[in-house]
Amino acid sequence: MAEIVASLHLSGEITGSDGKPVPLIQIANTFEQAFNFSFGNIYDKLDAIFNRKPYNLTKALDILRSAIVREDRKRNKR
């Protein structure tokens, strides 16, 4: 989940009513409330992501991407 939150924050695509990017902590808090869990310290989670080996930086996002590609192939019988 931290990868998703970090990606949303870094993309700058989540903006507030003022048009400015929403802070990381606000995105994290929203996810915590929506999915009923706690990151603990989101900044520690962010550090952990960037301390991974390069091939593991986006492992959760890679899993999500693979699931979408698999479903697309199934629906289109490719």
PDB file of N, CA and C in Angstrom:
ATOM      1  N   MET A   1       0.813  -1.198   0.000  1.00  0.00           N
ATOM      2  CA  MET A   1       0.000   0.000   0.000  1.00  0.00           C
ATOM      3  C   MET A   1       0.858   1.264   0.000  1.00  0.00           C
ATOM      4  N   ALA A   2       2.011   1.185   0.676  1.00  0.00           N
ATOM      5  CA  ALA A   2       2.877   2.365   0.728  1.00  0.00           C
ATOM      6  C   ALA A   2       3.360   2.750  -0.663  1.00  0.00           C
ATOM      7  N   GLU A   3       3.608   1.752  -1.522  1.00  0.00           N
ATOM      8  CA  GLU A   3       4.031   2.049  -2.897  1.00  0.00           C
ATOM      9  C   GLU A   3       2.948   2.819  -3.646  1.00  0.00           C
ATOM     10  N   ILE A   4       1.719   2.433  -3.444  1.00  0.00           N
ATOM     11  CA  ILE A   4       0.610   3.108  -4.123  1.00  0.00           C
ATOM     12  C   ILE A   4       0.514   4.552  -3.647  1.00  0.00           C
ATOM     13  N   VAL A   5       0.558   4.743  -2.345  1.00  0.00           N
ATOM     14  CA  VAL A   5       0.478   6.092  -1.779  1.00  0.00           C
ATOM     15  C   VAL A   5       1.658   6.934  -2.255  1.00  0.00           C
ATOM     16  N   ALA A   6       2.852   6.365  -2.208  1.00  0.00           N
ATOM     17  CA  ALA A   6       4.043   7.099  -2.658  1.00  0.00           C
ATOM     18  C   ALA A   6       3.930   7.469  -4.131  1.00  0.00           C
ATOM     19  N   SER A   7       3.462   6.538  -4.944  1.00  0.00           N
ATOM     20  CA  SER A   7       3.322   6.796  -6.380  1.00  0.00           C
ATOM     21  C   SER A   7       2.312   7.899  -6.657  1.00  0.00           C
ATOM     22  N   LEU A   8       1.190   7.848  -5.959  1.00  0.00           N
ATOM     23  CA  LEU A   8       0.179   8.893  -6.136  1.00  0.00           C
ATOM     24  C   LEU A   8       0.736  10.260  -5.741  1.00  0.00           C
ATOM     25  N   HIS A   9       1.451  10.283  -4.639  1.00  0.00           N
ATOM     26  CA  HIS A   9       2.034  11.547  -4.175  1.00  0.00           C
ATOM     27  C   HIS A   9       3.087  12.064  -5.156  1.00  0.00           C
ATOM     28  N   LEU A  10       4.003  11.203  -5.555  1.00  0.00           N
ATOM     29  CA  LEU A  10       5.089  11.624  -6.445  1.00  0.00           C
ATOM     30  C   LEU A  10       4.594  12.026  -7.831  1.00  0.00           C
ATOM     31  N   SER A  11       3.473  11.460  -8.249  1.00  0.00           N
ATOM     32  CA  SER A  11       2.932  11.818  -9.564  1.00  0.00           C
ATOM     33  C   SER A  11       2.390  13.244  -9.579  1.00  0.00           C
ATOM     34  N   GLY A  12       1.991  13.739  -8.406  1.00  0.00           N
ATOM     35  CA  GLY A  12       1.421  15.075  -8.326  1.00  0.00           C
ATOM     36  C   GLY A  12       0.015  15.163  -8.893  1.00  0.00           C
ATOM     37  N   GLU A  13      -0.570  14.016  -9.205  1.00  0.00           N
ATOM     38  CA  GLU A  13      -1.898  13.990  -9.822  1.00  0.00           C
ATOM     39  C   GLU A  13      -3.036  14.164  -8.826  1.00  0.00           C
ATOM     40  N   ILE A  14      -2.773  13.938  -7.547  1.00  0.00           N
ATOM     41  CA  ILE A  14      -3.799  14.127  -6.523  1.00  0.00           C
ATOM     42  C   ILE A  14      -3.652  15.559  -6.018  1.00  0.00           C
ATOM     43  N   THR A  15      -4.644  16.372  -6.311  1.00  0.00           N
ATOM     44  CA  THR A  15      -4.566  17.783  -5.929  1.00  0.00           C
ATOM     45  C   THR A  15      -5.740  18.172  -5.043  1.00  0.00           C
ATOM     46  N   GLY A  16      -5.511  19.192  -4.259  1.00  0.00           N
ATOM     47  CA  GLY A  16      -6.553  19.718  -3.394  1.00  0.00           C
ATOM     48  C   GLY A  16      -7.424  20.702  -4.145  1.00  0.00           C
ATOM     49  N   SER A  17      -8.359  21.294  -3.440  1.00  0.00           N
ATOM     50  CA  SER A  17      -9.274  22.253  -4.069  1.00  0.00           C
ATOM     51  C   SER A  17      -8.539  23.498  -4.566  1.00  0.00           C
ATOM     52  N   ASP A  18      -7.337  23.724  -4.034  1.00  0.00           N
ATOM     53  CA  ASP A  18      -6.533  24.868  -4.475  1.00  0.00           C
ATOM     54  C   ASP A  18      -5.687  24.549  -5.708  1.00  0.00           C
ATOM     55  N   GLY A  19      -5.769  23.291  -6.174  1.00  0.00           N
ATOM     56  CA  GLY A  19      -5.014  22.884  -7.357  1.00  0.00           C
ATOM     57  C   GLY A  19      -3.592  22.450  -7.072  1.00  0.00           C
ATOM     58  N   LYS A  20      -3.171  22.537  -5.824  1.00  0.00           N
ATOM     59  CA  LYS A  20      -1.811  22.139  -5.441  1.00  0.00           C
ATOM     60  C   LYS A  20      -1.799  20.663  -5.049  1.00  0.00           C
ATOM     61  N   PRO A  21      -0.657  19.984  -5.260  1.00  0.00           N
ATOM     62  CA  PRO A  21      -0.564  18.572  -4.867  1.00  0.00           C
ATOM     63  C   PRO A  21      -0.836  18.381  -3.373  1.00  0.00           C
ATOM     64  N   VAL A  22      -1.555  17.334  -3.057  1.00  0.00           N
ATOM     65  CA  VAL A  22      -1.887  17.007  -1.671  1.00  0.00           C
ATOM     66  C   VAL A  22      -0.639  16.423  -0.999  1.00  0.00           C
ATOM     67  N   PRO A  23      -0.372  16.786   0.256  1.00  0.00           N
ATOM     68  CA  PRO A  23       0.789  16.244   0.961  1.00  0.00           C
ATOM     69  C   PRO A  23       0.698  14.720   1.133  1.00  0.00           C
ATOM     70  N   LEU A  24       1.847  14.092   1.187  1.00  0.00           N
ATOM     71  CA  LEU A  24       1.937  12.642   1.363  1.00  0.00           C
ATOM     72  C   LEU A  24       1.134  12.178   2.573  1.00  0.00           C
ATOM     73  N   ILE A  25       1.268  12.862   3.678  1.00  0.00           N
ATOM     74  CA  ILE A  25       0.590  12.452   4.910  1.00  0.00           C
ATOM     75  C   ILE A  25      -0.928  12.461   4.746  1.00  0.00           C
ATOM     76  N   GLN A  26      -1.449  13.381   3.973  1.00  0.00           N
ATOM     77  CA  GLN A  26      -2.903  13.443   3.758  1.00  0.00           C
ATOM     78  C   GLN A  26      -3.377  12.256   2.917  1.00  0.00           C
ATOM     79  N   ILE A  27      -2.612  11.902   1.896  1.00  0.00           N
ATOM     80  CA  ILE A  27      -2.967  10.731   1.081  1.00  0.00           C
ATOM     81  C   ILE A  27      -2.899   9.479   1.948  1.00  0.00           C
ATOM     82  N   ALA A  28      -1.840   9.373   2.757  1.00  0.00           N
ATOM     83  CA  ALA A  28      -1.681   8.213   3.636  1.00  0.00           C
ATOM     84  C   ALA A  28      -2.835   8.113   4.629  1.00  0.00           C
ATOM     85  N   ASN A  29      -3.214   9.220   5.234  1.00  0.00           N
ATOM     86  CA  ASN A  29      -4.324   9.214   6.193  1.00  0.00           C
ATOM     87  C   ASN A  29      -5.626   8.782   5.531  1.00  0.00           C
ATOM     88  N   THR A  30      -5.848   9.227   4.305  1.00  0.00           N
ATOM     89  CA  THR A  30      -7.059   8.844   3.577  1.00  0.00           C
ATOM     90  C   THR A  30      -7.079   7.344   3.326  1.00  0.00           C
ATOM     91  N   PHE A  31      -5.944   6.781   2.925  1.00  0.00           N
ATOM     92  CA  PHE A  31      -5.857   5.337   2.708  1.00  0.00           C
ATOM     93  C   PHE A  31      -6.078   4.581   4.012  1.00  0.00           C
ATOM     94  N   GLU A  32      -5.493   5.064   5.102  1.00  0.00           N
ATOM     95  CA  GLU A  32      -5.667   4.409   6.399  1.00  0.00           C
ATOM     96  C   GLU A  32      -7.140   4.360   6.793  1.00  0.00           C
ATOM     97  N   GLN A  33      -7.845   5.443   6.600  1.00  0.00           N
ATOM     98  CA  GLN A  33      -9.264   5.483   6.942  1.00  0.00           C
ATOM     99  C   GLN A  33     -10.090   4.624   5.996  1.00  0.00           C
ATOM    100  N   ALA A  34      -9.791   4.699   4.710  1.00  0.00           N
ATOM    101  CA  ALA A  34     -10.574   3.961   3.718  1.00  0.00           C
ATOM    102  C   ALA A  34     -10.416   2.456   3.868  1.00  0.00           C
ATOM    103  N   PHE A  35      -9.206   2.010   4.200  1.00  0.00           N
ATOM    104  CA  PHE A  35      -8.932   0.574   4.252  1.00  0.00           C
ATOM    105  C   PHE A  35      -8.740   0.049   5.669  1.00  0.00           C
ATOM    106  N   ASN A  36      -8.978   0.897   6.676  1.00  0.00           N
ATOM    107  CA  ASN A  36      -8.959   0.507   8.079  1.00  0.00           C
ATOM    108  C   ASN A  36      -7.657  -0.188   8.491  1.00  0.00           C
ATOM    109  N   PHE A  37      -6.544   0.491   8.309  1.00  0.00           N
ATOM    110  CA  PHE A  37      -5.251  -0.013   8.755  1.00  0.00           C
ATOM    111  C   PHE A  37      -4.371   1.191   9.076  1.00  0.00           C
ATOM    112  N   SER A  38      -3.161   0.932   9.538  1.00  0.00           N
ATOM    113  CA  SER A  38      -2.241   2.020   9.859  1.00  0.00           C
ATOM    114  C   SER A  38      -0.881   1.774   9.218  1.00  0.00           C
ATOM    115  N   PHE A  39      -0.333   2.793   8.609  1.00  0.00           N
ATOM    116  CA  PHE A  39       1.022   2.709   8.077  1.00  0.00           C
ATOM    117  C   PHE A  39       2.048   2.817   9.194  1.00  0.00           C
ATOM    118  N   GLY A  40       1.663   3.331  10.334  1.00  0.00           N
ATOM    119  CA  GLY A  40       2.652   3.731  11.317  1.00  0.00           C
ATOM    120  C   GLY A  40       3.167   5.077  10.838  1.00  0.00           C
ATOM    121  N   ASN A  41       4.458   5.172  10.599  1.00  0.00           N
ATOM    122  CA  ASN A  41       5.045   6.399  10.068  1.00  0.00           C
ATOM    123  C   ASN A  41       5.215   6.248   8.561  1.00  0.00           C
ATOM    124  N   ILE A  42       4.437   6.963   7.775  1.00  0.00           N
ATOM    125  CA  ILE A  42       4.474   6.832   6.316  1.00  0.00           C
ATOM    126  C   ILE A  42       5.840   7.220   5.767  1.00  0.00           C
ATOM    127  N   TYR A  43       6.534   8.131   6.444  1.00  0.00           N
ATOM    128  CA  TYR A  43       7.854   8.543   5.966  1.00  0.00           C
ATOM    129  C   TYR A  43       8.879   7.419   6.137  1.00  0.00           C
ATOM    130  N   ASP A  44       8.726   6.605   7.184  1.00  0.00           N
ATOM    131  CA  ASP A  44       9.577   5.418   7.337  1.00  0.00           C
ATOM    132  C   ASP A  44       9.285   4.418   6.222  1.00  0.00           C
ATOM    133  N   LYS A  45       8.010   4.266   5.878  1.00  0.00           N
ATOM    134  CA  LYS A  45       7.626   3.360   4.782  1.00  0.00           C
ATOM    135  C   LYS A  45       8.212   3.850   3.463  1.00  0.00           C
ATOM    136  N   LEU A  46       8.175   5.155   3.240  1.00  0.00           N
ATOM    137  CA  LEU A  46       8.733   5.740   2.028  1.00  0.00           C
ATOM    138  C   LEU A  46      10.242   5.483   1.960  1.00  0.00           C
ATOM    139  N   ASP A  47      10.934   5.675   3.086  1.00  0.00           N
ATOM    140  CA  ASP A  47      12.372   5.382   3.130  1.00  0.00           C
ATOM    141  C   ASP A  47      12.639   3.919   2.817  1.00  0.00           C
ATOM    142  N   ALA A  48      11.805   3.028   3.352  1.00  0.00           N
ATOM    143  CA  ALA A  48      11.983   1.593   3.105  1.00  0.00           C
ATOM    144  C   ALA A  48      11.840   1.268   1.622  1.00  0.00           C
ATOM    145  N   ILE A  49      10.926   1.932   0.944  1.00  0.00           N
ATOM    146  CA  ILE A  49      10.752   1.707  -0.494  1.00  0.00           C
ATOM    147  C   ILE A  49      12.029   2.088  -1.233  1.00  0.00           C
ATOM    148  N   PHE A  50      12.580   3.257  -0.922  1.00  0.00           N
ATOM    149  CA  PHE A  50      13.755   3.742  -1.642  1.00  0.00           C
ATOM    150  C   PHE A  50      15.053   3.065  -1.208  1.00  0.00           C
ATOM    151  N   ASN A  51      15.000   2.289  -0.134  1.00  0.00           N
ATOM    152  CA  ASN A  51      16.171   1.515   0.279  1.00  0.00           C
ATOM    153  C   ASN A  51      16.191   0.127  -0.349  1.00  0.00           C
ATOM    154  N   ARG A  52      15.178  -0.217  -1.120  1.00  0.00           N
ATOM    155  CA  ARG A  52      15.124  -1.519  -1.786  1.00  0.00           C
ATOM    156  C   ARG A  52      16.121  -1.573  -2.939  1.00  0.00           C
ATOM    157  N   LYS A  53      16.415  -2.788  -3.351  1.00  0.00           N
ATOM    158  CA  LYS A  53      17.228  -2.986  -4.553  1.00  0.00           C
ATOM    159  C   LYS A  53      16.442  -2.439  -5.742  1.00  0.00           C
ATOM    160  N   PRO A  54      17.133  -1.951  -6.777  1.00  0.00           N
ATOM    161  CA  PRO A  54      16.436  -1.354  -7.929  1.00  0.00           C
ATOM    162  C   PRO A  54      15.361  -2.248  -8.546  1.00  0.00           C
ATOM    163  N   TYR A  55      15.593  -3.547  -8.618  1.00  0.00           N
ATOM    164  CA  TYR A  55      14.608  -4.439  -9.228  1.00  0.00           C
ATOM    165  C   TYR A  55      13.404  -4.685  -8.323  1.00  0.00           C
ATOM    166  N   ASN A  56      13.464  -4.261  -7.077  1.00  0.00           N
ATOM    167  CA  ASN A  56      12.352  -4.446  -6.133  1.00  0.00           C
ATOM    168  C   ASN A  56      11.633  -3.147  -5.785  1.00  0.00           C
ATOM    169  N   LEU A  57      12.005  -2.047  -6.403  1.00  0.00           N
ATOM    170  CA  LEU A  57      11.427  -0.749  -6.035  1.00  0.00           C
ATOM    171  C   LEU A  57       9.911  -0.717  -6.136  1.00  0.00           C
ATOM    172  N   THR A  58       9.366  -1.352  -7.152  1.00  0.00           N
ATOM    173  CA  THR A  58       7.917  -1.261  -7.399  1.00  0.00           C
ATOM    174  C   THR A  58       7.244  -2.631  -7.400  1.00  0.00           C
ATOM    175  N   LYS A  59       7.666  -3.525  -6.525  1.00  0.00           N
ATOM    176  CA  LYS A  59       7.137  -4.893  -6.586  1.00  0.00           C
ATOM    177  C   LYS A  59       5.617  -4.959  -6.428  1.00  0.00           C
ATOM    178  N   ALA A  60       5.034  -4.184  -5.535  1.00  0.00           N
ATOM    179  CA  ALA A  60       3.569  -4.223  -5.380  1.00  0.00           C
ATOM    180  C   ALA A  60       2.881  -3.646  -6.613  1.00  0.00           C
ATOM    181  N   LEU A  61       3.428  -2.579  -7.162  1.00  0.00           N
ATOM    182  CA  LEU A  61       2.843  -1.994  -8.374  1.00  0.00           C
ATOM    183  C   LEU A  61       2.981  -2.948  -9.556  1.00  0.00           C
ATOM    184  N   ASP A  62       4.098  -3.681  -9.612  1.00  0.00           N
ATOM    185  CA  ASP A  62       4.292  -4.670 -10.679  1.00  0.00           C
ATOM    186  C   ASP A  62       3.245  -5.776 -10.591  1.00  0.00           C
ATOM    187  N   ILE A  63       2.916  -6.192  -9.375  1.00  0.00           N
ATOM    188  CA  ILE A  63       1.886  -7.220  -9.174  1.00  0.00           C
ATOM    189  C   ILE A  63       0.534  -6.704  -9.657  1.00  0.00           C
ATOM    190  N   LEU A  64       0.206  -5.456  -9.330  1.00  0.00           N
ATOM    191  CA  LEU A  64      -1.064  -4.871  -9.768  1.00  0.00           C
ATOM    192  C   LEU A  64      -1.109  -4.739 -11.286  1.00  0.00           C
ATOM    193  N   ARG A  65      -0.008  -4.308 -11.878  1.00  0.00           N
ATOM    194  CA  ARG A  65       0.061  -4.184 -13.336  1.00  0.00           C
ATOM    195  C   ARG A  65      -0.137  -5.546 -13.992  1.00  0.00           C
ATOM    196  N   SER A  66       0.526  -6.563 -13.464  1.00  0.00           N
ATOM    197  CA  SER A  66       0.396  -7.913 -14.017  1.00  0.00           C
ATOM    198  C   SER A  66      -1.040  -8.412 -13.942  1.00  0.00           C
ATOM    199  N   ALA A  67      -1.727  -8.102 -12.858  1.00  0.00           N
ATOM    200  CA  ALA A  67      -3.120  -8.525 -12.706  1.00  0.00           C
ATOM    201  C   ALA A  67      -4.001  -7.879 -13.775  1.00  0.00           C
ATOM    202  N   ILE A  68      -3.763  -6.610 -14.061  1.00  0.00           N
ATOM    203  CA  ILE A  68      -4.552  -5.917 -15.090  1.00  0.00           C
ATOM    204  C   ILE A  68      -4.244  -6.480 -16.469  1.00  0.00           C
ATOM    205  N   VAL A  69      -2.974  -6.715 -16.765  1.00  0.00           N
ATOM    206  CA  VAL A  69      -2.583  -7.272 -18.067  1.00  0.00           C
ATOM    207  C   VAL A  69      -3.177  -8.663 -18.246  1.00  0.00           C
ATOM    208  N   ARG A  70      -3.117  -9.485 -17.189  1.00  0.00           N
ATOM    209  CA  ARG A  70      -3.679 -10.841 -17.231  1.00  0.00           C
ATOM    210  C   ARG A  70      -5.177 -10.803 -17.518  1.00  0.00           C
ATOM    211  N   GLU A  71      -5.886  -9.913 -16.830  1.00  0.00           N
ATOM    212  CA  GLU A  71      -7.332  -9.790 -17.033  1.00  0.00           C
ATOM    213  C   GLU A  71      -7.642  -9.307 -18.447  1.00  0.00           C
ATOM    214  N   ASP A  72      -6.857  -8.375 -18.954  1.00  0.00           N
ATOM    215  CA  ASP A  72      -7.050  -7.888 -20.320  1.00  0.00           C
ATOM    216  C   ASP A  72      -6.869  -9.024 -21.323  1.00  0.00           C
ATOM    217  N   ARG A  73      -5.844  -9.814 -21.128  1.00  0.00           N
ATOM    218  CA  ARG A  73      -5.610 -10.951 -22.035  1.00  0.00           C
ATOM    219  C   ARG A  73      -6.746 -11.955 -21.963  1.00  0.00           C
ATOM    220  N   LYS A  74      -7.232 -12.186 -20.750  1.00  0.00           N
ATOM    221  CA  LYS A  74      -8.337 -13.128 -20.570  1.00  0.00           C
ATOM    222  C   LYS A  74      -9.595 -12.626 -21.271  1.00  0.00           C
ATOM    223  N   ARG A  75      -9.882 -11.359 -21.112  1.00  0.00           N
ATOM    224  CA  ARG A  75     -11.083 -10.787 -21.731  1.00  0.00           C
ATOM    225  C   ARG A  75     -10.975 -10.734 -23.248  1.00  0.00           C
ATOM    226  N   ASN A  76      -9.779 -10.523 -23.734  1.00  0.00           N
ATOM    227  CA  ASN A  76      -9.571 -10.424 -25.176  1.00  0.00           C
ATOM    228  C   ASN A  76      -9.035 -11.719 -25.774  1.00  0.00           C
ATOM    229  N   LYS A  77      -8.915 -12.744 -24.932  1.00  0.00           N
ATOM    230  CA  LYS A  77      -8.441 -14.082 -25.336  1.00  0.00           C
ATOM    231  C   LYS A  77      -7.182 -14.008 -26.192  1.00  0.00           C
ATOM    232  N   ARG A  78      -6.195 -13.296 -25.675  1.00  0.00           N
ATOM    233  CA  ARG A  78      -4.913 -13.189 -26.377  1.00  0.00           C
ATOM    234  C   ARG A  78      -3.929 -14.161 -25.817  1.00  0.00           C
TER     235      ARG A  78
END
